[in-house]
Amino acid sequence: MNDNDRRRYEMLVRVKQFGIDNAGDFSGIATTKFTEIDAIVGATDSEAAKQQAGFGEAAQQFEVKDSVREDLRDEMSAISRTAKSMEYEFDGIADKFRFQRNMNDVEMLAKARAFVTEATPYNADFIAYGMPTTFAADLTALADAFEASFATTASATAEHVAATAETASKIREGMIAVRTVDGIVQNKYANDPGKLAAWLSAKHVEKAPKKKAPTP
Protein backbone atom coordinates (compact mmCIF):
# COMPACT_ATOMS: atom_id res chain seq x y z
CA MET A 1 0.00 0.00 0.00
CA ASN A 2 1.59 3.25 -1.11
CA ASP A 3 1.30 6.53 0.83
CA ASN A 4 -1.65 7.83 -1.20
CA ASP A 5 -3.61 4.61 -0.75
CA ARG A 6 -2.72 4.52 2.95
CA ARG A 7 -4.16 8.01 3.47
CA ARG A 8 -7.33 7.07 1.59
CA TYR A 9 -7.61 3.85 3.57
CA GLU A 10 -7.32 5.75 6.86
CA MET A 11 -10.13 8.03 5.64
CA LEU A 12 -12.30 4.99 4.83
CA VAL A 13 -11.76 3.66 8.34
CA ARG A 14 -12.91 6.99 9.80
CA VAL A 15 -15.96 7.08 7.50
CA LYS A 16 -16.80 3.51 8.45
CA GLN A 17 -16.76 4.44 12.12
CA PHE A 18 -18.83 7.56 11.45
CA GLY A 19 -21.46 5.40 9.78
CA ILE A 20 -21.50 3.03 12.75
CA ASP A 21 -21.74 5.86 15.29
CA ASN A 22 -24.59 7.58 13.42
CA ALA A 23 -26.37 4.59 11.92
CA GLY A 24 -29.69 5.64 13.46
CA ASP A 25 -29.72 8.86 11.42
CA PHE A 26 -29.68 7.17 8.04
CA SER A 27 -31.64 4.76 5.88
CA GLY A 28 -31.91 3.78 2.23
CA ILE A 29 -28.97 4.67 -0.01
CA ALA A 30 -26.86 6.10 2.85
CA THR A 31 -27.20 2.92 4.90
CA THR A 32 -26.33 0.82 1.85
CA LYS A 33 -23.22 2.88 1.16
CA PHE A 34 -22.03 2.85 4.76
CA THR A 35 -22.46 -0.94 4.77
CA GLU A 36 -20.51 -1.11 1.51
CA ILE A 37 -17.70 1.01 2.98
CA ASP A 38 -17.57 -1.26 6.04
CA ALA A 39 -17.18 -4.29 3.77
CA ILE A 40 -14.55 -2.53 1.66
CA VAL A 41 -12.47 -1.71 4.74
CA GLY A 42 -12.61 -5.37 5.77
CA ALA A 43 -11.64 -6.55 2.30
CA THR A 44 -8.82 -4.02 2.14
CA ASP A 45 -7.48 -5.28 5.47
CA SER A 46 -7.46 -8.80 4.06
CA GLU A 47 -5.72 -7.79 0.83
CA ALA A 48 -3.19 -5.68 2.74
CA ALA A 49 -2.35 -8.76 4.84
CA LYS A 50 -1.88 -10.79 1.65
CA GLN A 51 0.29 -8.00 0.26
CA GLN A 52 2.58 -8.09 3.28
CA ALA A 53 2.65 -11.88 3.23
CA GLY A 54 3.52 -11.81 -0.48
CA PHE A 55 6.24 -9.26 0.16
CA GLY A 56 7.71 -11.43 2.92
CA GLU A 57 7.52 -14.55 0.79
CA ALA A 58 9.18 -12.75 -2.13
CA ALA A 59 11.96 -11.50 0.14
CA GLN A 60 12.51 -15.01 1.50
CA GLN A 61 12.57 -16.58 -1.97
CA PHE A 62 15.01 -13.98 -3.28
CA GLU A 63 17.23 -14.71 -0.27
CA VAL A 64 17.12 -18.41 -1.13
CA LYS A 65 17.92 -17.59 -4.76
CA ASP A 66 20.87 -15.44 -3.69
CA SER A 67 22.27 -18.29 -1.59
CA VAL A 68 21.92 -20.83 -4.40
CA ARG A 69 23.46 -18.35 -6.85
CA GLU A 70 26.53 -17.94 -4.64
CA ASP A 71 26.90 -21.70 -4.21
CA LEU A 72 26.66 -22.17 -7.97
CA ARG A 73 29.23 -19.44 -8.59
CA ASP A 74 31.64 -21.06 -6.12
CA GLU A 75 31.25 -24.46 -7.77
CA MET A 76 31.76 -23.06 -11.26
CA SER A 77 34.74 -21.01 -10.10
CA ALA A 78 36.36 -24.13 -8.68
CA ILE A 79 35.89 -26.00 -11.96
CA SER A 80 37.21 -23.05 -13.97
CA ARG A 81 40.23 -22.71 -11.69
CA THR A 82 40.98 -26.43 -11.99
CA ALA A 83 40.67 -26.27 -15.78
CA LYS A 84 43.36 -23.60 -15.86
CA SER A 85 45.69 -25.99 -14.04
CA MET A 86 44.85 -28.69 -16.57
CA GLU A 87 45.61 -26.42 -19.56
CA TYR A 88 49.20 -27.68 -19.90
CA GLU A 89 48.01 -31.27 -20.26
CA PHE A 90 44.79 -30.57 -22.15
CA ASP A 91 45.36 -27.69 -24.51
CA GLY A 92 42.35 -25.36 -24.77
CA ILE A 93 40.46 -26.78 -21.80
CA ALA A 94 40.68 -23.49 -19.90
CA ASP A 95 38.66 -21.82 -22.64
CA LYS A 96 35.92 -24.44 -22.33
CA PHE A 97 35.50 -23.60 -18.65
CA ARG A 98 36.08 -19.86 -18.67
CA PHE A 99 33.87 -18.24 -16.04
CA GLN A 100 32.96 -14.65 -15.22
CA ARG A 101 31.25 -13.91 -11.90
CA ASN A 102 29.35 -10.89 -13.24
CA MET A 103 27.14 -12.88 -15.63
CA ASN A 104 23.40 -12.40 -15.30
CA ASP A 105 21.27 -15.24 -13.95
CA VAL A 106 20.17 -16.66 -17.30
CA GLU A 107 23.71 -16.60 -18.69
CA MET A 108 25.11 -18.24 -15.57
CA LEU A 109 22.52 -21.03 -15.64
CA ALA A 110 23.27 -21.71 -19.31
CA LYS A 111 26.99 -21.69 -18.57
CA ALA A 112 26.52 -24.13 -15.70
CA ARG A 113 24.64 -26.52 -17.97
CA ALA A 114 27.44 -26.18 -20.53
CA PHE A 115 30.04 -26.94 -17.85
CA VAL A 116 28.27 -30.22 -17.05
CA THR A 117 28.27 -31.22 -20.72
CA GLU A 118 31.87 -30.16 -21.36
CA ALA A 119 33.14 -31.86 -18.20
CA THR A 120 31.80 -35.29 -19.07
CA PRO A 121 34.80 -36.42 -21.18
CA TYR A 122 37.20 -35.08 -18.53
CA ASN A 123 35.40 -36.34 -15.43
CA ALA A 124 38.23 -38.61 -14.27
CA ASP A 125 40.82 -35.93 -15.09
CA PHE A 126 39.06 -33.28 -12.99
CA ILE A 127 38.92 -35.73 -10.12
CA ALA A 128 42.63 -36.50 -10.59
CA TYR A 129 43.29 -32.75 -10.28
CA GLY A 130 41.55 -32.63 -6.92
CA MET A 131 37.88 -32.03 -7.68
CA PRO A 132 35.40 -34.08 -5.59
CA THR A 133 34.21 -37.30 -7.20
CA THR A 134 30.68 -35.86 -7.17
CA PHE A 135 31.57 -32.47 -8.70
CA ALA A 136 29.51 -33.01 -11.87
CA ALA A 137 26.47 -34.20 -9.92
CA ASP A 138 26.91 -31.35 -7.44
CA LEU A 139 27.00 -28.82 -10.27
CA THR A 140 23.88 -30.33 -11.84
CA ALA A 141 22.02 -30.21 -8.52
CA LEU A 142 22.97 -26.57 -7.97
CA ALA A 143 21.95 -25.65 -11.51
CA ASP A 144 18.60 -27.39 -10.98
CA ALA A 145 18.05 -25.57 -7.69
CA PHE A 146 18.98 -22.26 -9.26
CA GLU A 147 16.59 -22.80 -12.17
CA ALA A 148 13.79 -23.74 -9.76
CA SER A 149 14.36 -20.50 -7.85
CA PHE A 150 13.34 -18.54 -10.97
CA ALA A 151 9.79 -19.85 -10.68
CA THR A 152 9.46 -19.47 -6.90
CA THR A 153 10.62 -15.86 -6.90
CA ALA A 154 8.34 -15.05 -9.82
CA SER A 155 5.37 -16.67 -8.08
CA ALA A 156 5.99 -14.85 -4.79
CA THR A 157 6.42 -11.54 -6.59
CA ALA A 158 3.21 -12.11 -8.56
CA GLU A 159 1.30 -12.77 -5.34
CA HIS A 160 2.58 -9.52 -3.84
CA VAL A 161 1.78 -7.54 -6.99
CA ALA A 162 -1.73 -9.03 -7.28
CA ALA A 163 -2.53 -8.20 -3.66
CA THR A 164 -1.21 -4.66 -4.14
CA ALA A 165 -3.44 -4.16 -7.20
CA GLU A 166 -6.47 -5.60 -5.41
CA THR A 167 -5.88 -3.32 -2.42
CA ALA A 168 -5.77 -0.27 -4.69
CA SER A 169 -8.95 -1.43 -6.44
CA LYS A 170 -10.83 -1.80 -3.15
CA ILE A 171 -9.74 1.65 -2.04
CA ARG A 172 -11.01 3.16 -5.30
CA GLU A 173 -14.36 1.47 -4.72
CA GLY A 174 -14.43 2.98 -1.25
CA MET A 175 -13.68 6.44 -2.57
CA ILE A 176 -16.66 6.21 -4.95
CA ALA A 177 -18.93 5.09 -2.10
CA VAL A 178 -17.81 8.03 0.05
CA ARG A 179 -18.46 10.51 -2.75
CA THR A 180 -21.90 8.99 -3.23
CA VAL A 181 -22.91 9.27 0.42
CA ASP A 182 -21.27 12.66 0.96
CA GLY A 183 -24.16 14.70 -0.41
CA ILE A 184 -26.70 12.76 1.65
CA VAL A 185 -24.76 13.27 4.88
CA GLN A 186 -24.22 16.98 4.26
CA ASN A 187 -27.93 17.44 3.53
CA LYS A 188 -28.84 15.49 6.65
CA TYR A 189 -26.62 17.59 8.90
CA ALA A 190 -27.04 20.95 7.18
CA ASN A 191 -28.49 22.36 10.43
CA ASP A 192 -26.24 20.38 12.76
CA PRO A 193 -22.81 22.06 12.76
CA GLY A 194 -21.30 19.53 15.13
CA LYS A 195 -22.25 16.45 13.14
CA LEU A 196 -21.40 18.18 9.89
CA ALA A 197 -17.93 19.09 11.15
CA ALA A 198 -17.42 15.51 12.31
CA TRP A 199 -18.36 14.23 8.86
CA LEU A 200 -16.11 16.67 7.03
CA SER A 201 -13.25 15.66 9.30
CA ALA A 202 -13.92 11.94 8.76
CA LYS A 203 -14.01 12.16 4.97
CA HIS A 204 -10.99 14.43 4.68
CA VAL A 205 -7.97 12.83 3.00
CA GLU A 206 -4.66 14.25 4.13
CA LYS A 207 -2.51 15.63 1.36
CA ALA A 208 0.92 14.22 0.70
CA PRO A 209 3.67 16.30 2.32
CA LYS A 210 5.31 18.64 -0.14
CA LYS A 211 8.92 18.07 -1.00
CA LYS A 212 11.22 20.82 0.10
CA ALA A 213 12.65 22.86 -2.73
CA PRO A 214 16.43 22.55 -3.02
CA THR A 215 18.39 25.36 -1.49
CA PRO A 216 19.73 27.64 -4.25
Foldseek 3Di string as FASTA:
>chain_A
DDPQLVLLLQLLVLLLVLCVVPVVLDDDLLVVLSVLSVVLSVVLVVLVVLLVVLVVQLVVLVVVLVVLLVVLLVLLVLVLVLQVVCCVVPPPSNVQSPDDSPDDLVVSLVSLVSCLVSCVVVLVVSVVSPDDNCSSVVSVVSSVSNVVSVVSSVVSVVSNVVSVVVSVVSSVVSLVSCVVCVVVQCVSCVVPVVSNVSSVVSNDRDDDDDDDDDDD
